[in-house]
N, C-alpha and C. Protein backbone atom coordinates (compact mmCIF):
# COMPACT_ATOMS: atom_id res chain seq x y z
N MET A 1 35.71 29.45 17.35
CA MET A 1 36.14 28.70 18.52
C MET A 1 35.37 27.38 18.64
N PHE A 2 34.07 27.39 18.31
CA PHE A 2 33.26 26.18 18.41
C PHE A 2 33.77 25.09 17.48
N GLU A 3 34.25 25.51 16.30
CA GLU A 3 34.78 24.53 15.35
C GLU A 3 36.03 23.85 15.91
N THR A 4 36.84 24.59 16.66
CA THR A 4 38.04 24.02 17.25
C THR A 4 37.69 22.98 18.31
N LEU A 5 36.66 23.24 19.11
CA LEU A 5 36.28 22.32 20.18
C LEU A 5 35.59 21.07 19.66
N THR A 6 35.04 21.13 18.46
CA THR A 6 34.35 19.95 17.92
C THR A 6 35.14 19.27 16.80
N SER A 7 36.42 19.61 16.67
CA SER A 7 37.20 18.93 15.65
C SER A 7 37.40 17.48 16.07
N PRO A 8 37.46 16.56 15.10
CA PRO A 8 37.56 15.14 15.41
C PRO A 8 38.68 14.76 16.39
N PRO A 9 39.89 15.33 16.23
CA PRO A 9 40.93 14.93 17.19
C PRO A 9 40.61 15.35 18.63
N VAL A 10 39.98 16.52 18.81
CA VAL A 10 39.65 16.97 20.16
C VAL A 10 38.56 16.09 20.76
N VAL A 11 37.51 15.80 19.99
CA VAL A 11 36.42 14.95 20.48
C VAL A 11 36.94 13.55 20.80
N ASN A 12 37.80 13.04 19.92
CA ASN A 12 38.38 11.71 20.15
C ASN A 12 39.25 11.71 21.40
N SER A 13 40.03 12.76 21.61
CA SER A 13 40.88 12.84 22.79
C SER A 13 40.07 12.92 24.07
N VAL A 14 38.97 13.67 24.06
CA VAL A 14 38.09 13.74 25.22
C VAL A 14 37.50 12.36 25.50
N GLY A 15 37.11 11.65 24.45
CA GLY A 15 36.58 10.31 24.61
C GLY A 15 37.60 9.37 25.22
N LEU A 16 38.84 9.44 24.75
CA LEU A 16 39.90 8.60 25.32
C LEU A 16 40.14 8.94 26.78
N LEU A 17 40.12 10.23 27.11
CA LEU A 17 40.32 10.65 28.49
C LEU A 17 39.22 10.10 29.39
N LEU A 18 37.96 10.17 28.93
CA LEU A 18 36.86 9.61 29.72
C LEU A 18 37.01 8.10 29.88
N ASP A 19 37.47 7.43 28.84
CA ASP A 19 37.70 5.98 28.94
C ASP A 19 38.77 5.66 29.99
N ILE A 20 39.84 6.42 29.99
CA ILE A 20 40.91 6.19 30.96
C ILE A 20 40.40 6.42 32.38
N ILE A 21 39.65 7.51 32.58
CA ILE A 21 39.09 7.79 33.90
C ILE A 21 38.16 6.66 34.33
N GLY A 22 37.32 6.21 33.42
CA GLY A 22 36.40 5.12 33.74
C GLY A 22 37.11 3.83 34.12
N VAL A 23 38.16 3.48 33.39
CA VAL A 23 38.89 2.24 33.68
C VAL A 23 39.60 2.34 35.03
N VAL A 24 40.19 3.48 35.32
CA VAL A 24 40.88 3.64 36.60
C VAL A 24 39.88 3.55 37.75
N LYS A 25 38.71 4.20 37.60
CA LYS A 25 37.69 4.12 38.64
C LYS A 25 37.18 2.70 38.82
N LEU A 26 36.99 1.97 37.74
CA LEU A 26 36.56 0.58 37.86
C LEU A 26 37.63 -0.27 38.54
N PHE A 27 38.88 0.03 38.27
CA PHE A 27 39.96 -0.70 38.92
C PHE A 27 39.94 -0.45 40.43
N ILE A 28 39.68 0.79 40.82
CA ILE A 28 39.68 1.14 42.24
C ILE A 28 38.43 0.64 42.94
N TYR A 29 37.27 0.90 42.35
CA TYR A 29 36.01 0.65 43.03
C TYR A 29 35.32 -0.65 42.61
N GLY A 30 35.72 -1.24 41.52
CA GLY A 30 35.12 -2.49 41.07
C GLY A 30 33.76 -2.29 40.43
N LEU A 31 33.28 -3.32 39.77
CA LEU A 31 31.95 -3.28 39.17
C LEU A 31 30.90 -3.36 40.27
N PRO A 32 29.74 -2.72 40.07
CA PRO A 32 28.68 -2.85 41.07
C PRO A 32 28.24 -4.31 41.15
N ALA A 33 28.25 -4.84 42.35
CA ALA A 33 27.94 -6.25 42.55
C ALA A 33 26.58 -6.41 43.20
N GLU A 34 25.95 -7.51 42.90
CA GLU A 34 24.67 -7.84 43.53
C GLU A 34 24.96 -8.65 44.80
N ILE A 35 25.47 -7.96 45.80
CA ILE A 35 25.74 -8.59 47.08
C ILE A 35 25.05 -7.81 48.17
N SER A 36 25.03 -8.35 49.35
CA SER A 36 24.38 -7.67 50.47
C SER A 36 25.12 -6.38 50.79
N ARG A 37 24.38 -5.31 50.83
CA ARG A 37 24.96 -4.00 51.17
C ARG A 37 24.40 -3.51 52.50
N SER A 38 24.01 -4.43 53.36
CA SER A 38 23.36 -4.06 54.61
C SER A 38 24.33 -3.54 55.65
N GLY A 39 25.63 -3.82 55.49
CA GLY A 39 26.61 -3.38 56.45
C GLY A 39 26.74 -4.31 57.64
N ALA A 40 26.11 -5.49 57.57
CA ALA A 40 26.19 -6.46 58.67
C ALA A 40 27.62 -6.97 58.79
N ASP A 41 28.06 -7.15 60.03
CA ASP A 41 29.40 -7.68 60.22
C ASP A 41 29.42 -9.18 59.92
N CYS A 42 30.60 -9.74 59.87
CA CYS A 42 30.72 -11.13 59.43
C CYS A 42 30.07 -12.12 60.40
N LEU A 43 29.92 -11.75 61.65
CA LEU A 43 29.31 -12.65 62.62
C LEU A 43 27.81 -12.43 62.76
N GLY A 44 27.29 -11.39 62.11
CA GLY A 44 25.86 -11.14 62.14
C GLY A 44 25.35 -10.49 63.42
N PHE A 45 26.24 -9.82 64.16
CA PHE A 45 25.83 -9.20 65.42
C PHE A 45 25.22 -7.81 65.25
N GLY A 46 25.42 -7.18 64.12
CA GLY A 46 24.88 -5.84 63.95
C GLY A 46 25.26 -5.26 62.60
N LYS A 47 24.79 -4.05 62.39
CA LYS A 47 25.06 -3.36 61.14
C LYS A 47 25.93 -2.14 61.44
N ASP A 48 26.90 -1.93 60.59
CA ASP A 48 27.81 -0.81 60.74
C ASP A 48 27.44 0.29 59.75
N PRO A 49 27.00 1.45 60.22
CA PRO A 49 26.63 2.54 59.30
C PRO A 49 27.78 2.99 58.41
N LYS A 50 29.00 2.90 58.92
CA LYS A 50 30.16 3.28 58.10
C LYS A 50 30.30 2.34 56.91
N GLU A 51 30.10 1.06 57.14
CA GLU A 51 30.19 0.09 56.04
C GLU A 51 29.05 0.27 55.04
N GLN A 52 27.87 0.61 55.52
CA GLN A 52 26.75 0.88 54.62
C GLN A 52 27.06 2.08 53.74
N ALA A 53 27.59 3.15 54.33
CA ALA A 53 27.94 4.35 53.57
C ALA A 53 29.05 4.05 52.57
N LYS A 54 30.03 3.26 53.00
CA LYS A 54 31.13 2.89 52.10
C LYS A 54 30.61 2.09 50.91
N ALA A 55 29.69 1.16 51.15
CA ALA A 55 29.13 0.36 50.07
C ALA A 55 28.35 1.24 49.09
N ARG A 56 27.57 2.19 49.61
CA ARG A 56 26.83 3.11 48.72
C ARG A 56 27.79 3.95 47.90
N PHE A 57 28.86 4.44 48.52
CA PHE A 57 29.85 5.25 47.81
C PHE A 57 30.52 4.44 46.70
N TYR A 58 30.92 3.21 47.00
CA TYR A 58 31.56 2.36 45.98
C TYR A 58 30.59 2.07 44.84
N ASP A 59 29.33 1.84 45.15
CA ASP A 59 28.34 1.60 44.10
C ASP A 59 28.20 2.82 43.20
N ARG A 60 28.11 4.01 43.80
CA ARG A 60 27.99 5.24 43.01
C ARG A 60 29.22 5.43 42.12
N MET A 61 30.40 5.23 42.68
CA MET A 61 31.62 5.42 41.90
C MET A 61 31.72 4.40 40.76
N ALA A 62 31.25 3.20 40.98
CA ALA A 62 31.26 2.19 39.93
C ALA A 62 30.35 2.62 38.78
N TYR A 63 29.17 3.17 39.10
CA TYR A 63 28.28 3.63 38.05
C TYR A 63 28.84 4.86 37.34
N VAL A 64 29.50 5.74 38.07
CA VAL A 64 30.16 6.89 37.43
C VAL A 64 31.22 6.39 36.45
N ALA A 65 31.96 5.38 36.84
CA ALA A 65 32.99 4.81 35.96
C ALA A 65 32.37 4.23 34.69
N LEU A 66 31.27 3.53 34.84
CA LEU A 66 30.61 2.97 33.65
C LEU A 66 30.08 4.07 32.74
N VAL A 67 29.55 5.14 33.31
CA VAL A 67 29.08 6.27 32.50
C VAL A 67 30.25 6.91 31.77
N CYS A 68 31.39 7.05 32.44
CA CYS A 68 32.58 7.60 31.78
C CYS A 68 33.00 6.74 30.61
N LEU A 69 33.01 5.43 30.80
CA LEU A 69 33.41 4.53 29.71
C LEU A 69 32.47 4.62 28.52
N VAL A 70 31.17 4.56 28.78
CA VAL A 70 30.20 4.62 27.68
C VAL A 70 30.28 5.97 26.98
N SER A 71 30.37 7.05 27.75
CA SER A 71 30.48 8.39 27.15
C SER A 71 31.73 8.51 26.30
N GLY A 72 32.83 7.96 26.79
CA GLY A 72 34.07 8.01 26.04
C GLY A 72 33.97 7.27 24.71
N PHE A 73 33.37 6.10 24.73
CA PHE A 73 33.20 5.35 23.48
C PHE A 73 32.26 6.08 22.52
N VAL A 74 31.22 6.69 23.04
CA VAL A 74 30.30 7.45 22.18
C VAL A 74 31.03 8.62 21.54
N LEU A 75 31.82 9.35 22.32
CA LEU A 75 32.56 10.49 21.75
C LEU A 75 33.57 10.02 20.70
N GLN A 76 34.19 8.89 20.93
CA GLN A 76 35.13 8.38 19.93
C GLN A 76 34.39 8.01 18.64
N GLY A 77 33.21 7.45 18.78
CA GLY A 77 32.41 7.12 17.59
C GLY A 77 31.96 8.36 16.86
N VAL A 78 31.52 9.38 17.61
CA VAL A 78 31.07 10.63 17.00
C VAL A 78 32.21 11.31 16.26
N SER A 79 33.42 11.22 16.82
CA SER A 79 34.54 11.90 16.18
C SER A 79 34.83 11.34 14.79
N ASN A 80 34.39 10.13 14.50
CA ASN A 80 34.59 9.56 13.17
C ASN A 80 33.72 10.23 12.12
N TRP A 81 32.61 10.84 12.54
CA TRP A 81 31.70 11.46 11.57
C TRP A 81 31.79 12.97 11.55
N LEU A 82 32.67 13.57 12.33
CA LEU A 82 32.81 15.04 12.29
C LEU A 82 33.71 15.47 11.16
């Protein structure tokens, strides 16, 4: 069974699937940006905790997407040597 799970086509397919997931997540959440994540409103009157939480969530999802992409490319590379 282990040989079936590590065959090149299976590893390559898992890599492609991770790449697709990563690209879709990046499309939805965007790349992590170096911008203010304080949650301040546009007029500077205060900070919104909901906006701060949303910014943290988007940042986490962007990093998850990047990890998916890198993992997918690594698996595709590994499948060439199996």
